[in-house]
Amino acid sequence: MKKHIPLFVCALILLFSCSEKKTKDNMVPKPTNGPVVNGVSLVVLGTIQDAGFPQIGCTKSCCAKAFEEPDHAKKVVSLGLIDPENDKTYLFDATPDMVTQMKMLTQLETKSDKELADGIFLTHAHIGHYTGLMFLGKEAIDAKGVPLYIMPKMKDFLVNNGPWSQLVTRQNVILNELEQEKSVQLSKDIEVIPFKVPHRDEFSETVGYKIKGPTKSALFIPDIDKWEKWEKQVIDEIKQVDYAFIDATFFNGKEINNRDMAEIPHPFVIESMEKFKGLSKKEKGKIVFIHFNHTNPLIDPKSEETQYVLEQGFNIARMNTTYEL
């Protein structure tokens, strides 16, 4: 004869199984696994193009195994900035994977029990770069005043369109309007500078960021149409920094055979390598390819294309890799 557990007992079990185990000072202990951060650093929190991996409706061989055996490490492109001295973290882009990315980031700042970053910088209004903001709203954490750093058109888009406008009216986020090439000082040693880049700006402008730390600096340009369309010379910009995380959406034009590539322009990896082939070994080593479409063979660390890129002296972004600033 089966024995039935009373409903109220089940409820108690569920309650305590989901409760937080806290220390005597009321802090939830943070895990110590993952990359070790000793100073101001950037961490790669995602490397994949907006639509994720695998992509919805994908029937290509690159997606088949991913549907059967999901790889939860393949997240949409994002960087985290850790400031250990001031117990702060900052997120670059709010992706559909922001829930786990935010956890990954805040766990790297071990001195506080904060579960949300101290600020979020957005690049533009394409789905992979801002829709994670939904998790700050009433239906989720109902955050209180998370600083959001955005350009003017991005601000207008959020203020005037639901459901994002509700985040503003409920003060889940506090909007900080950025200006072209104007520095945001996050601490005495850390500053962030936005700069516009050409991209498909249906709803907002698109920016990249220069992130300066105490001793080093980085570029973050996850999306751009083509290098030739930018008023700046990308090679000159690379020479001014220590790391350059740049758009590598497609390895070449052959991997997408069902779309008009003119509608989704990006610098192909092979085009970028050709453009940068004259750089010194040191300058090439600064370049970190990121923002991979699900068809891009650079996603696979064992692919021939991956080996070729590395042999040419360039780098490929991988999850949880840290870069000291």
C-alpha atoms as a PDB file:
ATOM      1  CA  MET A   1       0.000   0.000   0.000  1.00  0.00           C
ATOM      2  CA  LYS A   2       1.399   3.388  -0.981  1.00  0.00           C
ATOM      3  CA  LYS A   3       2.057   5.959   1.726  1.00  0.00           C
ATOM      4  CA  HIS A   4       1.098   9.536   0.829  1.00  0.00           C
ATOM      5  CA  ILE A   5       3.050  12.477   2.227  1.00  0.00           C
ATOM      6  CA  PRO A   6       0.723  15.245   3.491  1.00  0.00           C
ATOM      7  CA  LEU A   7       0.645  18.334   1.255  1.00  0.00           C
ATOM      8  CA  PHE A   8       1.833  20.669   4.001  1.00  0.00           C
ATOM      9  CA  VAL A   9       4.915  18.482   4.541  1.00  0.00           C
ATOM     10  CA  CYS A  10       5.688  18.652   0.795  1.00  0.00           C
ATOM     11  CA  ALA A  11       5.376  22.411   0.945  1.00  0.00           C
ATOM     12  CA  LEU A  12       7.812  22.627   3.844  1.00  0.00           C
ATOM     13  CA  ILE A  13      10.319  20.412   2.036  1.00  0.00           C
ATOM     14  CA  LEU A  14      10.076  22.594  -1.080  1.00  0.00           C
ATOM     15  CA  LEU A  15      10.418  25.785   0.955  1.00  0.00           C
ATOM     16  CA  PHE A  16      13.557  24.737   2.767  1.00  0.00           C
ATOM     17  CA  SER A  17      15.136  23.087  -0.285  1.00  0.00           C
ATOM     18  CA  CYS A  18      15.001  26.469  -2.086  1.00  0.00           C
ATOM     19  CA  SER A  19      16.013  28.560   0.914  1.00  0.00           C
ATOM     20  CA  GLU A  20      19.397  30.230   1.031  1.00  0.00           C
ATOM     21  CA  LYS A  21      22.040  28.895   3.373  1.00  0.00           C
ATOM     22  CA  LYS A  22      23.444  31.995   4.979  1.00  0.00           C
ATOM     23  CA  THR A  23      26.421  32.604   7.185  1.00  0.00           C
ATOM     24  CA  LYS A  24      26.139  34.229  10.594  1.00  0.00           C
ATOM     25  CA  ASP A  25      26.648  37.686   9.093  1.00  0.00           C
ATOM     26  CA  ASN A  26      23.667  37.013   6.768  1.00  0.00           C
ATOM     27  CA  MET A  27      25.768  36.715   3.608  1.00  0.00           C
ATOM     28  CA  VAL A  28      25.300  33.909   1.136  1.00  0.00           C
ATOM     29  CA  PRO A  29      28.736  32.339   0.620  1.00  0.00           C
ATOM     30  CA  LYS A  30      29.922  32.678  -2.963  1.00  0.00           C
ATOM     31  CA  PRO A  31      31.506  29.731  -4.795  1.00  0.00           C
ATOM     32  CA  THR A  32      35.261  29.852  -5.247  1.00  0.00           C
ATOM     33  CA  ASN A  33      35.361  27.927  -8.530  1.00  0.00           C
ATOM     34  CA  GLY A  34      35.883  29.726 -11.825  1.00  0.00           C
ATOM     35  CA  PRO A  35      38.552  32.211 -12.894  1.00  0.00           C
ATOM     36  CA  VAL A  36      40.571  33.965 -10.213  1.00  0.00           C
ATOM     37  CA  VAL A  37      40.463  37.762 -10.345  1.00  0.00           C
ATOM     38  CA  ASN A  38      43.233  39.603  -8.512  1.00  0.00           C
ATOM     39  CA  GLY A  39      42.831  43.075  -9.993  1.00  0.00           C
ATOM     40  CA  VAL A  40      40.667  45.100 -12.339  1.00  0.00           C
ATOM     41  CA  SER A  41      39.777  42.661 -15.100  1.00  0.00           C
ATOM     42  CA  LEU A  42      37.467  41.879 -17.982  1.00  0.00           C
ATOM     43  CA  VAL A  43      35.863  38.442 -18.199  1.00  0.00           C
ATOM     44  CA  VAL A  44      34.249  36.855 -21.247  1.00  0.00           C
ATOM     45  CA  LEU A  45      30.656  35.979 -20.313  1.00  0.00           C
ATOM     46  CA  GLY A  46      29.440  35.053 -23.790  1.00  0.00           C
ATOM     47  CA  THR A  47      30.747  34.690 -27.333  1.00  0.00           C
ATOM     48  CA  ILE A  48      27.720  33.838 -29.511  1.00  0.00           C
ATOM     49  CA  GLN A  49      25.658  36.019 -31.879  1.00  0.00           C
ATOM     50  CA  ASP A  50      22.302  37.414 -30.697  1.00  0.00           C
ATOM     51  CA  ALA A  51      20.143  34.395 -31.580  1.00  0.00           C
ATOM     52  CA  GLY A  52      22.173  31.949 -29.500  1.00  0.00           C
ATOM     53  CA  PHE A  53      23.405  28.433 -30.151  1.00  0.00           C
ATOM     54  CA  PRO A  54      21.681  26.482 -31.554  1.00  0.00           C
ATOM     55  CA  GLN A  55      19.406  28.920 -33.355  1.00  0.00           C
ATOM     56  CA  ILE A  56      15.663  28.440 -33.559  1.00  0.00           C
ATOM     57  CA  GLY A  57      14.594  26.413 -36.590  1.00  0.00           C
ATOM     58  CA  CYS A  58      18.168  25.474 -37.471  1.00  0.00           C
ATOM     59  CA  THR A  59      18.473  22.186 -39.382  1.00  0.00           C
ATOM     60  CA  LYS A  60      22.194  22.486 -40.150  1.00  0.00           C
ATOM     61  CA  SER A  61      24.658  19.909 -38.864  1.00  0.00           C
ATOM     62  CA  CYS A  62      26.180  22.514 -36.544  1.00  0.00           C
ATOM     63  CA  CYS A  63      22.905  22.604 -34.588  1.00  0.00           C
ATOM     64  CA  ALA A  64      21.940  18.919 -34.561  1.00  0.00           C
ATOM     65  CA  LYS A  65      24.133  17.870 -31.638  1.00  0.00           C
ATOM     66  CA  ALA A  66      23.434  21.095 -29.766  1.00  0.00           C
ATOM     67  CA  PHE A  67      19.699  20.346 -29.775  1.00  0.00           C
ATOM     68  CA  GLU A  68      20.332  16.837 -28.491  1.00  0.00           C
ATOM     69  CA  GLU A  69      23.031  17.789 -25.997  1.00  0.00           C
ATOM     70  CA  PRO A  70      22.737  21.521 -25.149  1.00  0.00           C
ATOM     71  CA  ASP A  71      26.003  23.247 -24.289  1.00  0.00           C
ATOM     72  CA  HIS A  72      25.097  25.703 -21.558  1.00  0.00           C
ATOM     73  CA  ALA A  73      28.495  27.380 -21.833  1.00  0.00           C
ATOM     74  CA  LYS A  74      27.595  28.811 -25.236  1.00  0.00           C
ATOM     75  CA  LYS A  75      26.035  32.132 -24.276  1.00  0.00           C
ATOM     76  CA  VAL A  76      25.278  35.310 -26.189  1.00  0.00           C
ATOM     77  CA  VAL A  77      28.117  37.811 -26.360  1.00  0.00           C
ATOM     78  CA  SER A  78      28.855  39.829 -23.221  1.00  0.00           C
ATOM     79  CA  LEU A  79      31.795  41.090 -21.203  1.00  0.00           C
ATOM     80  CA  GLY A  80      32.002  41.658 -17.473  1.00  0.00           C
ATOM     81  CA  LEU A  81      34.185  44.218 -15.731  1.00  0.00           C
ATOM     82  CA  ILE A  82      35.356  43.458 -12.190  1.00  0.00           C
ATOM     83  CA  ASP A  83      36.663  46.140  -9.826  1.00  0.00           C
ATOM     84  CA  PRO A  84      37.824  44.200  -6.726  1.00  0.00           C
ATOM     85  CA  GLU A  85      39.191  47.243  -4.895  1.00  0.00           C
ATOM     86  CA  ASN A  86      35.771  48.893  -4.821  1.00  0.00           C
ATOM     87  CA  ASP A  87      33.706  45.684  -4.648  1.00  0.00           C
ATOM     88  CA  LYS A  88      31.938  46.484  -7.915  1.00  0.00           C
ATOM     89  CA  THR A  89      31.084  44.819 -11.202  1.00  0.00           C
ATOM     90  CA  TYR A  90      29.752  46.086 -14.533  1.00  0.00           C
ATOM     91  CA  LEU A  91      28.081  44.258 -17.390  1.00  0.00           C
ATOM     92  CA  PHE A  92      28.482  45.043 -21.083  1.00  0.00           C
ATOM     93  CA  ASP A  93      25.223  44.201 -22.880  1.00  0.00           C
ATOM     94  CA  ALA A  94      22.117  42.629 -21.390  1.00  0.00           C
ATOM     95  CA  THR A  95      21.661  39.413 -23.338  1.00  0.00           C
ATOM     96  CA  PRO A  96      18.917  36.772 -23.262  1.00  0.00           C
ATOM     97  CA  ASP A  97      21.425  34.790 -21.157  1.00  0.00           C
ATOM     98  CA  MET A  98      21.783  37.564 -18.580  1.00  0.00           C
ATOM     99  CA  VAL A  99      20.426  35.521 -15.671  1.00  0.00           C
ATOM    100  CA  THR A 100      23.375  33.144 -15.623  1.00  0.00           C
ATOM    101  CA  GLN A 101      25.853  35.739 -16.877  1.00  0.00           C
ATOM    102  CA  MET A 102      24.970  38.068 -14.010  1.00  0.00           C
ATOM    103  CA  LYS A 103      25.540  35.231 -11.551  1.00  0.00           C
ATOM    104  CA  MET A 104      28.885  34.397 -13.156  1.00  0.00           C
ATOM    105  CA  LEU A 105      29.949  38.029 -12.941  1.00  0.00           C
ATOM    106  CA  THR A 106      28.869  38.800  -9.380  1.00  0.00           C
ATOM    107  CA  GLN A 107      30.477  35.599  -8.093  1.00  0.00           C
ATOM    108  CA  LEU A 108      33.832  36.938  -9.260  1.00  0.00           C
ATOM    109  CA  GLU A 109      33.425  39.868  -6.861  1.00  0.00           C
ATOM    110  CA  THR A 110      33.797  37.946  -3.606  1.00  0.00           C
ATOM    111  CA  LYS A 111      33.693  40.655  -0.939  1.00  0.00           C
ATOM    112  CA  SER A 112      29.992  41.477  -1.119  1.00  0.00           C
ATOM    113  CA  ASP A 113      26.744  39.556  -1.460  1.00  0.00           C
ATOM    114  CA  LYS A 114      25.427  41.634  -4.377  1.00  0.00           C
ATOM    115  CA  GLU A 115      23.548  39.616  -6.998  1.00  0.00           C
ATOM    116  CA  LEU A 116      23.313  42.434  -9.560  1.00  0.00           C
ATOM    117  CA  ALA A 117      26.039  44.375 -11.316  1.00  0.00           C
ATOM    118  CA  ASP A 118      26.666  47.981 -10.322  1.00  0.00           C
ATOM    119  CA  GLY A 119      25.924  49.120 -13.863  1.00  0.00           C
ATOM    120  CA  ILE A 120      25.059  47.866 -17.334  1.00  0.00           C
ATOM    121  CA  PHE A 121      26.447  49.367 -20.555  1.00  0.00           C
ATOM    122  CA  LEU A 122      24.413  48.712 -23.717  1.00  0.00           C
ATOM    123  CA  THR A 123      25.772  48.784 -27.255  1.00  0.00           C
ATOM    124  CA  HIS A 124      22.510  48.877 -29.250  1.00  0.00           C
ATOM    125  CA  ALA A 125      18.911  47.720 -29.666  1.00  0.00           C
ATOM    126  CA  HIS A 126      19.316  44.356 -31.379  1.00  0.00           C
ATOM    127  CA  ILE A 127      17.822  41.384 -29.561  1.00  0.00           C
ATOM    128  CA  GLY A 128      21.019  39.880 -28.199  1.00  0.00           C
ATOM    129  CA  HIS A 129      22.237  43.096 -26.635  1.00  0.00           C
ATOM    130  CA  TYR A 130      19.398  44.524 -24.540  1.00  0.00           C
ATOM    131  CA  THR A 131      16.488  42.081 -24.116  1.00  0.00           C
ATOM    132  CA  GLY A 132      18.008  40.641 -20.937  1.00  0.00           C
ATOM    133  CA  LEU A 133      16.751  43.820 -19.264  1.00  0.00           C
ATOM    134  CA  MET A 134      13.409  42.004 -18.908  1.00  0.00           C
ATOM    135  CA  PHE A 135      14.849  40.080 -15.971  1.00  0.00           C
ATOM    136  CA  LEU A 136      15.195  43.323 -13.984  1.00  0.00           C
ATOM    137  CA  GLY A 137      11.432  43.904 -14.136  1.00  0.00           C
ATOM    138  CA  LYS A 138       8.402  43.252 -11.978  1.00  0.00           C
ATOM    139  CA  GLU A 139       7.926  39.698 -13.236  1.00  0.00           C
ATOM    140  CA  ALA A 140      11.466  38.754 -12.200  1.00  0.00           C
ATOM    141  CA  ILE A 141      13.759  40.369  -9.584  1.00  0.00           C
ATOM    142  CA  ASP A 142      11.981  43.765  -9.591  1.00  0.00           C
ATOM    143  CA  ALA A 143      15.352  45.480  -9.266  1.00  0.00           C
ATOM    144  CA  LYS A 144      15.860  48.811  -7.544  1.00  0.00           C
ATOM    145  CA  GLY A 145      17.725  51.463  -9.494  1.00  0.00           C
ATOM    146  CA  VAL A 146      20.248  49.499 -11.529  1.00  0.00           C
ATOM    147  CA  PRO A 147      22.351  52.100 -13.408  1.00  0.00           C
ATOM    148  CA  LEU A 148      21.912  51.719 -17.157  1.00  0.00           C
ATOM    149  CA  TYR A 149      24.414  53.478 -19.432  1.00  0.00           C
ATOM    150  CA  ILE A 150      22.904  54.196 -22.847  1.00  0.00           C
ATOM    151  CA  MET A 151      23.155  56.519 -25.834  1.00  0.00           C
ATOM    152  CA  PRO A 152      20.368  59.082 -26.593  1.00  0.00           C
ATOM    153  CA  LYS A 153      18.439  57.069 -29.211  1.00  0.00           C
ATOM    154  CA  MET A 154      18.657  53.955 -27.059  1.00  0.00           C
ATOM    155  CA  LYS A 155      17.241  55.979 -24.177  1.00  0.00           C
ATOM    156  CA  ASP A 156      14.320  57.172 -26.305  1.00  0.00           C
ATOM    157  CA  PHE A 157      13.639  53.623 -27.431  1.00  0.00           C
ATOM    158  CA  LEU A 158      13.450  52.294 -23.870  1.00  0.00           C
ATOM    159  CA  VAL A 159      11.411  55.211 -22.538  1.00  0.00           C
ATOM    160  CA  ASN A 160       8.829  55.143 -25.326  1.00  0.00           C
ATOM    161  CA  ASN A 161       8.309  51.430 -25.897  1.00  0.00           C
ATOM    162  CA  GLY A 162       6.853  48.759 -23.661  1.00  0.00           C
ATOM    163  CA  PRO A 163       7.668  46.647 -21.819  1.00  0.00           C
ATOM    164  CA  TRP A 164      10.961  48.515 -21.387  1.00  0.00           C
ATOM    165  CA  SER A 165       9.233  51.745 -20.370  1.00  0.00           C
ATOM    166  CA  GLN A 166       7.915  49.976 -17.280  1.00  0.00           C
ATOM    167  CA  LEU A 167      11.478  49.391 -16.118  1.00  0.00           C
ATOM    168  CA  VAL A 168      11.933  53.164 -16.201  1.00  0.00           C
ATOM    169  CA  THR A 169       8.655  54.157 -14.550  1.00  0.00           C
ATOM    170  CA  ARG A 170       9.111  51.583 -11.785  1.00  0.00           C
ATOM    171  CA  GLN A 171      12.735  52.687 -11.385  1.00  0.00           C
ATOM    172  CA  ASN A 172      14.031  49.182 -11.873  1.00  0.00           C
ATOM    173  CA  VAL A 173      16.721  50.963 -13.859  1.00  0.00           C
ATOM    174  CA  ILE A 174      18.149  54.472 -13.692  1.00  0.00           C
ATOM    175  CA  LEU A 175      19.057  55.845 -17.105  1.00  0.00           C
ATOM    176  CA  ASN A 176      22.472  57.452 -17.533  1.00  0.00           C
ATOM    177  CA  GLU A 177      22.743  59.075 -20.948  1.00  0.00           C
ATOM    178  CA  LEU A 178      26.090  58.700 -22.657  1.00  0.00           C
ATOM    179  CA  GLU A 179      27.728  61.136 -25.040  1.00  0.00           C
ATOM    180  CA  GLN A 180      29.875  60.313 -28.047  1.00  0.00           C
ATOM    181  CA  GLU A 181      33.536  59.966 -27.020  1.00  0.00           C
ATOM    182  CA  LYS A 182      32.819  61.321 -23.513  1.00  0.00           C
ATOM    183  CA  SER A 183      34.399  59.331 -20.694  1.00  0.00           C
ATOM    184  CA  VAL A 184      32.428  57.793 -17.825  1.00  0.00           C
ATOM    185  CA  GLN A 185      34.622  57.618 -14.728  1.00  0.00           C
ATOM    186  CA  LEU A 186      33.706  54.515 -12.730  1.00  0.00           C
ATOM    187  CA  SER A 187      36.552  54.901 -10.235  1.00  0.00           C
ATOM    188  CA  LYS A 188      39.856  56.731 -10.026  1.00  0.00           C
ATOM    189  CA  ASP A 189      41.421  54.000 -12.169  1.00  0.00           C
ATOM    190  CA  ILE A 190      38.574  52.891 -14.448  1.00  0.00           C
ATOM    191  CA  GLU A 191      36.833  54.751 -17.253  1.00  0.00           C
ATOM    192  CA  VAL A 192      34.590  53.771 -20.139  1.00  0.00           C
ATOM    193  CA  ILE A 193      34.340  55.719 -23.406  1.00  0.00           C
ATOM    194  CA  PRO A 194      31.515  55.094 -25.922  1.00  0.00           C
ATOM    195  CA  PHE A 195      32.031  55.633 -29.641  1.00  0.00           C
ATOM    196  CA  LYS A 196      29.589  55.210 -32.517  1.00  0.00           C
ATOM    197  CA  VAL A 197      30.096  52.557 -35.173  1.00  0.00           C
ATOM    198  CA  PRO A 198      28.117  51.963 -38.392  1.00  0.00           C
ATOM    199  CA  HIS A 199      25.523  49.235 -38.015  1.00  0.00           C
ATOM    200  CA  ARG A 200      21.865  48.548 -38.810  1.00  0.00           C
ATOM    201  CA  ASP A 201      20.393  51.208 -36.530  1.00  0.00           C
ATOM    202  CA  GLU A 202      16.681  50.463 -36.843  1.00  0.00           C
ATOM    203  CA  PHE A 203      15.881  51.421 -33.243  1.00  0.00           C
ATOM    204  CA  SER A 204      19.017  52.979 -31.767  1.00  0.00           C
ATOM    205  CA  GLU A 205      22.527  54.043 -32.584  1.00  0.00           C
ATOM    206  CA  THR A 206      25.281  51.434 -32.170  1.00  0.00           C
ATOM    207  CA  VAL A 207      28.377  51.974 -30.068  1.00  0.00           C
ATOM    208  CA  GLY A 208      31.541  50.209 -29.154  1.00  0.00           C
ATOM    209  CA  TYR A 209      33.417  50.900 -25.942  1.00  0.00           C
ATOM    210  CA  LYS A 210      36.967  51.668 -24.926  1.00  0.00           C
ATOM    211  CA  ILE A 211      37.470  50.347 -21.409  1.00  0.00           C
ATOM    212  CA  LYS A 212      40.453  51.721 -19.519  1.00  0.00           C
ATOM    213  CA  GLY A 213      41.868  50.181 -16.362  1.00  0.00           C
ATOM    214  CA  PRO A 214      44.805  51.095 -14.100  1.00  0.00           C
ATOM    215  CA  THR A 215      47.440  49.851 -16.557  1.00  0.00           C
ATOM    216  CA  LYS A 216      45.723  48.460 -19.667  1.00  0.00           C
ATOM    217  CA  SER A 217      42.783  49.140 -21.957  1.00  0.00           C
ATOM    218  CA  ALA A 218      40.440  47.290 -24.297  1.00  0.00           C
ATOM    219  CA  LEU A 219      38.109  47.826 -27.237  1.00  0.00           C
ATOM    220  CA  PHE A 220      34.727  46.117 -27.364  1.00  0.00           C
ATOM    221  CA  ILE A 221      33.095  46.163 -30.809  1.00  0.00           C
ATOM    222  CA  PRO A 222      30.738  43.169 -31.013  1.00  0.00           C
ATOM    223  CA  ASP A 223      28.793  44.564 -33.984  1.00  0.00           C
ATOM    224  CA  ILE A 224      29.833  46.686 -36.953  1.00  0.00           C
ATOM    225  CA  ASP A 225      28.868  46.601 -40.643  1.00  0.00           C
ATOM    226  CA  LYS A 226      32.243  46.709 -42.395  1.00  0.00           C
ATOM    227  CA  TRP A 227      35.516  48.268 -41.283  1.00  0.00           C
ATOM    228  CA  GLU A 228      35.572  50.468 -44.387  1.00  0.00           C
ATOM    229  CA  LYS A 229      32.298  52.143 -43.357  1.00  0.00           C
ATOM    230  CA  TRP A 230      33.737  53.352 -40.042  1.00  0.00           C
ATOM    231  CA  GLU A 231      35.104  56.879 -40.003  1.00  0.00           C
ATOM    232  CA  LYS A 232      37.941  55.701 -37.786  1.00  0.00           C
ATOM    233  CA  GLN A 233      40.814  53.489 -38.857  1.00  0.00           C
ATOM    234  CA  VAL A 234      40.444  50.248 -36.925  1.00  0.00           C
ATOM    235  CA  ILE A 235      44.168  49.497 -37.107  1.00  0.00           C
ATOM    236  CA  ASP A 236      44.961  52.817 -35.431  1.00  0.00           C
ATOM    237  CA  GLU A 237      42.419  52.061 -32.715  1.00  0.00           C
ATOM    238  CA  ILE A 238      43.879  48.609 -32.086  1.00  0.00           C
ATOM    239  CA  LYS A 239      47.347  50.073 -31.668  1.00  0.00           C
ATOM    240  CA  GLN A 240      46.089  52.310 -28.868  1.00  0.00           C
ATOM    241  CA  VAL A 241      44.838  49.468 -26.660  1.00  0.00           C
ATOM    242  CA  ASP A 242      46.000  46.171 -25.170  1.00  0.00           C
ATOM    243  CA  TYR A 243      43.001  44.044 -26.185  1.00  0.00           C
ATOM    244  CA  ALA A 244      40.507  44.389 -29.037  1.00  0.00           C
ATOM    245  CA  PHE A 245      37.326  42.288 -28.861  1.00  0.00           C
ATOM    246  CA  ILE A 246      35.941  42.627 -32.378  1.00  0.00           C
ATOM    247  CA  ASP A 247      33.035  41.436 -34.503  1.00  0.00           C
ATOM    248  CA  ALA A 248      33.572  37.952 -35.940  1.00  0.00           C
ATOM    249  CA  THR A 249      29.970  37.045 -36.710  1.00  0.00           C
ATOM    250  CA  PHE A 250      30.751  35.119 -39.898  1.00  0.00           C
ATOM    251  CA  PHE A 251      33.971  33.345 -40.815  1.00  0.00           C
ATOM    252  CA  ASN A 252      33.203  33.897 -44.499  1.00  0.00           C
ATOM    253  CA  GLY A 253      30.237  34.480 -46.760  1.00  0.00           C
ATOM    254  CA  LYS A 254      29.738  30.824 -47.632  1.00  0.00           C
ATOM    255  CA  GLU A 255      28.275  29.710 -44.312  1.00  0.00           C
ATOM    256  CA  ILE A 256      24.954  31.511 -44.859  1.00  0.00           C
ATOM    257  CA  ASN A 257      23.309  30.278 -48.047  1.00  0.00           C
ATOM    258  CA  ASN A 258      19.704  31.162 -47.265  1.00  0.00           C
ATOM    259  CA  ARG A 259      20.053  34.867 -46.489  1.00  0.00           C
ATOM    260  CA  ASP A 260      21.006  37.997 -48.401  1.00  0.00           C
ATOM    261  CA  MET A 261      24.343  38.922 -46.806  1.00  0.00           C
ATOM    262  CA  ALA A 262      23.820  42.545 -47.874  1.00  0.00           C
ATOM    263  CA  GLU A 263      21.041  42.706 -45.273  1.00  0.00           C
ATOM    264  CA  ILE A 264      23.278  41.494 -42.460  1.00  0.00           C
ATOM    265  CA  PRO A 265      26.720  42.983 -43.189  1.00  0.00           C
ATOM    266  CA  HIS A 266      29.587  42.170 -40.841  1.00  0.00           C
ATOM    267  CA  PRO A 267      33.351  41.967 -41.374  1.00  0.00           C
ATOM    268  CA  PHE A 268      34.071  38.341 -42.265  1.00  0.00           C
ATOM    269  CA  VAL A 269      36.889  36.891 -40.191  1.00  0.00           C
ATOM    270  CA  ILE A 270      38.848  36.208 -43.354  1.00  0.00           C
ATOM    271  CA  GLU A 271      38.420  39.881 -44.360  1.00  0.00           C
ATOM    272  CA  SER A 272      39.622  41.079 -40.962  1.00  0.00           C
ATOM    273  CA  MET A 273      42.657  38.805 -41.038  1.00  0.00           C
ATOM    274  CA  GLU A 274      43.526  40.098 -44.488  1.00  0.00           C
ATOM    275  CA  LYS A 275      43.179  43.679 -43.279  1.00  0.00           C
ATOM    276  CA  PHE A 276      45.356  42.998 -40.238  1.00  0.00           C
ATOM    277  CA  LYS A 277      47.952  40.766 -41.899  1.00  0.00           C
ATOM    278  CA  GLY A 278      50.570  43.538 -41.903  1.00  0.00           C
ATOM    279  CA  LEU A 279      50.425  44.048 -38.166  1.00  0.00           C
ATOM    280  CA  SER A 280      53.264  42.902 -35.966  1.00  0.00           C
ATOM    281  CA  LYS A 281      52.958  39.743 -33.892  1.00  0.00           C
ATOM    282  CA  LYS A 282      52.334  41.885 -30.825  1.00  0.00           C
ATOM    283  CA  GLU A 283      49.531  43.861 -32.476  1.00  0.00           C
ATOM    284  CA  LYS A 284      47.875  40.734 -33.897  1.00  0.00           C
ATOM    285  CA  GLY A 285      47.953  39.208 -30.430  1.00  0.00           C
ATOM    286  CA  LYS A 286      45.721  41.993 -29.143  1.00  0.00           C
ATOM    287  CA  ILE A 287      42.851  40.944 -31.389  1.00  0.00           C
ATOM    288  CA  VAL A 288      40.214  38.682 -29.859  1.00  0.00           C
ATOM    289  CA  PHE A 289      37.492  37.552 -32.261  1.00  0.00           C
ATOM    290  CA  ILE A 290      34.019  37.406 -30.667  1.00  0.00           C
ATOM    291  CA  HIS A 291      30.250  37.382 -31.520  1.00  0.00           C
ATOM    292  CA  PHE A 292      30.032  34.134 -33.509  1.00  0.00           C
ATOM    293  CA  ASN A 293      26.994  33.185 -35.558  1.00  0.00           C
ATOM    294  CA  HIS A 294      25.863  29.592 -34.933  1.00  0.00           C
ATOM    295  CA  THR A 295      27.348  28.659 -38.330  1.00  0.00           C
ATOM    296  CA  ASN A 296      30.815  30.032 -37.543  1.00  0.00           C
ATOM    297  CA  PRO A 297      33.399  27.217 -37.283  1.00  0.00           C
ATOM    298  CA  LEU A 298      35.397  29.266 -34.749  1.00  0.00           C
ATOM    299  CA  ILE A 299      32.859  28.151 -32.144  1.00  0.00           C
ATOM    300  CA  ASP A 300      34.549  24.740 -32.282  1.00  0.00           C
ATOM    301  CA  PRO A 301      38.003  24.981 -30.655  1.00  0.00           C
ATOM    302  CA  LYS A 302      39.094  21.909 -32.634  1.00  0.00           C
ATOM    303  CA  SER A 303      38.065  23.110 -36.093  1.00  0.00           C
ATOM    304  CA  GLU A 304      40.566  23.676 -38.885  1.00  0.00           C
ATOM    305  CA  GLU A 305      39.449  27.296 -39.085  1.00  0.00           C
ATOM    306  CA  THR A 306      40.193  27.798 -35.398  1.00  0.00           C
ATOM    307  CA  GLN A 307      43.674  26.390 -35.806  1.00  0.00           C
ATOM    308  CA  TYR A 308      44.266  28.588 -38.845  1.00  0.00           C
ATOM    309  CA  VAL A 309      43.238  31.773 -37.015  1.00  0.00           C
ATOM    310  CA  LEU A 310      45.492  30.941 -34.083  1.00  0.00           C
ATOM    311  CA  GLU A 311      48.396  30.116 -36.372  1.00  0.00           C
ATOM    312  CA  GLN A 312      48.041  33.569 -37.942  1.00  0.00           C
ATOM    313  CA  GLY A 313      48.646  35.093 -34.509  1.00  0.00           C
ATOM    314  CA  PHE A 314      45.084  36.121 -33.595  1.00  0.00           C
ATOM    315  CA  ASN A 315      42.995  35.083 -30.604  1.00  0.00           C
ATOM    316  CA  ILE A 316      39.478  33.713 -30.216  1.00  0.00           C
ATOM    317  CA  ALA A 317      37.219  34.583 -27.288  1.00  0.00           C
ATOM    318  CA  ARG A 318      36.367  31.692 -24.968  1.00  0.00           C
ATOM    319  CA  MET A 319      34.038  31.649 -21.992  1.00  0.00           C
ATOM    320  CA  ASN A 320      35.407  32.628 -18.568  1.00  0.00           C
ATOM    321  CA  THR A 321      38.713  33.895 -19.944  1.00  0.00           C
ATOM    322  CA  THR A 322      39.911  36.927 -17.978  1.00  0.00           C
ATOM    323  CA  TYR A 323      41.998  39.879 -19.154  1.00  0.00           C
ATOM    324  CA  GLU A 324      43.683  42.054 -16.571  1.00  0.00           C
ATOM    325  CA  LEU A 325      43.400  45.803 -16.974  1.00  0.00           C
END
